[in-house]
Protein backbone atom coordinates (compact mmCIF):
# COMPACT_ATOMS: atom_id res chain seq x y z
CA MET A 1 56.80 0.67 -4.25
CA ALA A 2 55.41 -3.07 -4.50
CA LYS A 3 54.01 -2.97 -1.19
CA SER A 4 51.55 0.28 -1.84
CA SER A 5 50.26 -1.31 -5.05
CA THR A 6 49.54 -4.20 -3.09
CA ILE A 7 47.91 -2.35 -0.51
CA ILE A 8 45.95 -0.15 -2.52
CA ILE A 9 44.69 -3.69 -4.46
CA ILE A 10 43.57 -4.72 -1.53
CA LEU A 11 41.95 -1.76 -0.42
CA ALA A 12 40.36 -1.55 -3.57
CA SER A 13 39.02 -5.00 -3.58
CA ALA A 14 37.80 -4.82 -0.11
CA LEU A 15 35.69 -1.37 -0.99
CA CYS A 16 34.30 -3.60 -4.02
CA LEU A 17 33.92 -6.54 -1.79
CA LEU A 18 31.62 -3.90 0.62
CA SER A 19 29.63 -2.26 -2.16
CA LEU A 20 28.53 -5.93 -3.19
CA VAL A 21 27.43 -6.91 0.10
CA ASN A 22 25.38 -3.94 0.42
CA LEU A 23 23.86 -4.29 -2.76
CA GLY A 24 22.75 -7.80 -2.05
CA GLU A 25 21.04 -6.32 1.74
CA CYS A 26 18.92 -3.65 -0.60
CA ARG A 27 18.51 -5.51 -3.59
CA ASP A 28 15.48 -7.30 -2.25
CA ARG A 29 14.01 -4.67 -0.21
CA PHE A 30 10.84 -3.00 -0.96
CA PHE A 31 8.45 -0.47 0.26
CA VAL A 32 4.65 -0.63 -0.72
CA GLU A 33 3.19 2.93 -0.41
CA GLY A 34 -0.17 3.98 -0.54
CA SER A 35 -3.13 5.70 1.08
CA VAL A 36 -6.71 5.15 2.54
CA TYR A 37 -9.69 7.09 2.02
CA CYS A 38 -13.26 7.39 3.48
CA ASP A 39 -15.83 7.26 0.47
CA THR A 40 -18.07 9.77 1.61
CA CYS A 41 -20.05 9.70 -1.55
CA ARG A 42 -20.41 5.59 -1.45
CA ALA A 43 -18.97 6.10 -5.13
CA GLN A 44 -16.54 3.73 -5.06
CA PHE A 45 -14.07 6.28 -6.31
CA MET A 46 -12.70 9.36 -4.73
CA THR A 47 -14.51 12.47 -5.27
CA ARG A 48 -13.94 16.18 -3.72
CA LEU A 49 -15.70 15.15 -0.56
CA SER A 50 -13.58 11.91 -0.01
CA ARG A 51 -11.18 12.35 3.05
CA PHE A 52 -7.62 10.45 3.66
CA MET A 53 -8.06 8.45 6.97
CA ALA A 54 -5.87 8.28 9.63
CA GLY A 55 -5.29 5.15 12.00
CA ALA A 56 -6.91 2.92 9.26
CA THR A 57 -5.17 -0.57 8.75
CA VAL A 58 -4.30 -2.14 5.54
CA ARG A 59 -2.71 -5.86 5.01
CA LEU A 60 -0.18 -6.59 2.25
CA GLU A 61 -0.45 -10.01 1.59
CA CYS A 62 1.45 -12.08 -1.46
CA ARG A 63 0.33 -15.58 -2.60
CA GLU A 64 1.78 -18.52 -4.58
CA VAL A 65 -0.13 -18.23 -8.13
CA GLU A 66 -1.16 -21.59 -8.30
CA SER A 67 -1.73 -22.75 -4.72
CA GLY A 68 -2.90 -19.55 -3.36
CA LYS A 69 -1.19 -20.00 -0.05
CA VAL A 70 -0.47 -16.99 1.78
CA THR A 71 3.70 -16.63 1.62
CA LEU A 72 3.54 -13.11 3.47
CA SER A 73 1.35 -11.18 5.19
CA LYS A 74 2.05 -7.60 6.96
CA GLU A 75 -0.16 -5.08 8.29
CA ALA A 76 0.25 -1.34 8.52
CA VAL A 77 -1.74 2.08 10.00
CA THR A 78 -2.12 4.88 7.99
CA ASP A 79 -0.52 8.27 9.17
CA GLY A 80 -2.06 11.41 9.85
CA SER A 81 -2.75 12.12 6.24
CA GLY A 82 -3.98 8.76 5.41
CA GLY A 83 -0.87 7.34 4.08
CA TYR A 84 1.03 3.91 4.72
CA SER A 85 4.14 2.12 4.28
CA VAL A 86 5.06 -1.53 4.14
CA GLU A 87 8.77 -2.65 4.31
CA ILE A 88 9.18 -6.12 2.72
CA GLU A 89 11.97 -8.12 2.38
CA GLY A 90 12.29 -10.62 -0.51
CA ASP A 91 11.60 -10.95 -3.87
CA HIS A 92 8.38 -12.04 -4.71
CA GLU A 93 8.45 -12.54 -8.65
CA ASP A 94 6.52 -15.52 -8.45
CA GLU A 95 3.66 -14.79 -6.19
CA SER A 96 0.55 -12.33 -6.70
CA CYS A 97 1.29 -9.41 -4.16
CA GLU A 98 -1.84 -7.25 -3.34
CA VAL A 99 -2.92 -4.79 -0.46
CA VAL A 100 -6.31 -5.22 1.11
CA LEU A 101 -8.55 -2.71 3.77
CA ALA A 102 -8.37 -4.51 7.33
CA ARG A 103 -9.93 -1.97 9.91
CA SER A 104 -11.42 0.81 9.62
CA SER A 105 -10.65 4.13 12.31
CA ASP A 106 -14.17 5.41 11.60
CA PRO A 107 -17.00 3.77 12.42
CA GLU A 108 -19.25 5.92 10.35
CA CYS A 109 -16.91 4.72 7.41
CA GLY A 110 -15.92 1.32 7.92
CA GLU A 111 -17.96 -0.73 5.20
CA ILE A 112 -15.61 -2.68 2.83
CA GLN A 113 -17.17 -2.93 -0.63
CA GLY A 114 -16.34 -6.74 -1.63
CA SER A 115 -18.66 -7.92 -4.14
CA SER A 116 -18.08 -5.50 -6.78
CA PHE A 117 -15.85 -5.09 -9.67
CA LEU A 118 -13.85 -3.05 -7.03
CA ASN A 119 -12.57 -5.89 -4.93
CA GLN A 120 -10.90 -3.10 -2.89
CA ALA A 121 -7.94 -4.30 -3.54
CA ALA A 122 -4.48 -2.78 -5.04
CA ARG A 123 -2.28 -5.54 -6.81
CA VAL A 124 1.43 -4.29 -6.76
CA SER A 125 4.62 -6.25 -8.27
CA VAL A 126 7.27 -6.65 -5.62
CA THR A 127 9.93 -7.83 -7.66
CA ARG A 128 13.16 -5.98 -9.29
CA ASN A 129 12.54 -8.07 -12.40
CA ASN A 130 9.63 -5.89 -14.01
CA GLY A 131 11.67 -2.79 -15.39
CA ILE A 132 11.18 -0.45 -11.98
CA VAL A 133 14.18 1.01 -10.68
CA SER A 134 13.06 2.31 -7.55
CA PRO A 135 12.43 0.09 -4.55
CA VAL A 136 9.03 1.82 -3.88
CA ARG A 137 6.00 0.35 -5.30
CA THR A 138 2.54 2.52 -5.25
CA ALA A 139 -0.37 1.08 -4.64
CA ASN A 140 -3.52 2.75 -5.77
CA PRO A 141 -5.53 4.22 -2.71
CA LEU A 142 -8.37 2.26 -1.23
CA GLY A 143 -11.56 3.39 0.14
CA PHE A 144 -14.03 2.70 2.94
CA LEU A 145 -17.81 3.15 2.20
CA ARG A 146 -19.23 5.51 4.51
CA LYS A 147 -22.42 4.15 5.92
CA GLN A 148 -24.96 6.96 4.51
CA PRO A 149 -23.21 9.38 1.90
CA LEU A 150 -23.25 12.96 2.77
CA PRO A 151 -25.98 15.15 1.83
CA GLU A 152 -23.72 17.02 -0.83
CA CYS A 153 -23.05 13.77 -2.81
CA GLY A 154 -25.90 14.05 -4.74
CA ALA A 155 -24.54 17.73 -6.45
CA VAL A 156 -21.47 16.04 -6.49
CA LEU A 157 -22.28 13.34 -8.54
CA HIS A 158 -24.33 15.34 -10.93
CA GLU A 159 -21.15 17.82 -11.83
CA LEU A 160 -19.54 14.42 -12.72
CA GLU A 161 -22.78 13.26 -14.66
CA LEU A 162 -23.31 10.57 -12.92
CA ASP A 163 -26.78 11.23 -11.39
CA SER A 164 -27.67 7.36 -11.75
CA LEU A 165 -25.48 6.40 -8.56
CA THR A 166 -27.62 8.54 -6.06
């Protein structure tokens, strides 16, 4: 009887230890997900004429807040529906992380608006110490600007009562 109790305790301890090892491995693994679209009206936000872009490249960068030194830089290419996912190892609580547009897959829609208030970057929190339980972090959609707005854009912006943008 004593032998079987000892074996059960050893097995239970081993299972607990394995669970902790697995938890540690998964604990600091994150997935930053988002999408890239073509801003066909040059409105700097999505409209009903915007379209998601397959094959566009984004870059996730984390930087030290004080020095600005890059601590992580990873690129991802969008899938057929314009979505991407970047896997990250490690907690970046004391860093500023953001996704930026890197390369367009469409020569007609490849301008990056960098001087506006919409700096075409999506900031993400890559830490467990923020109240988010899921390892998935969702970034705001990012858009490349089309060289020339589509002819239908005037009507779309009128519908949105934004005639001054045309």
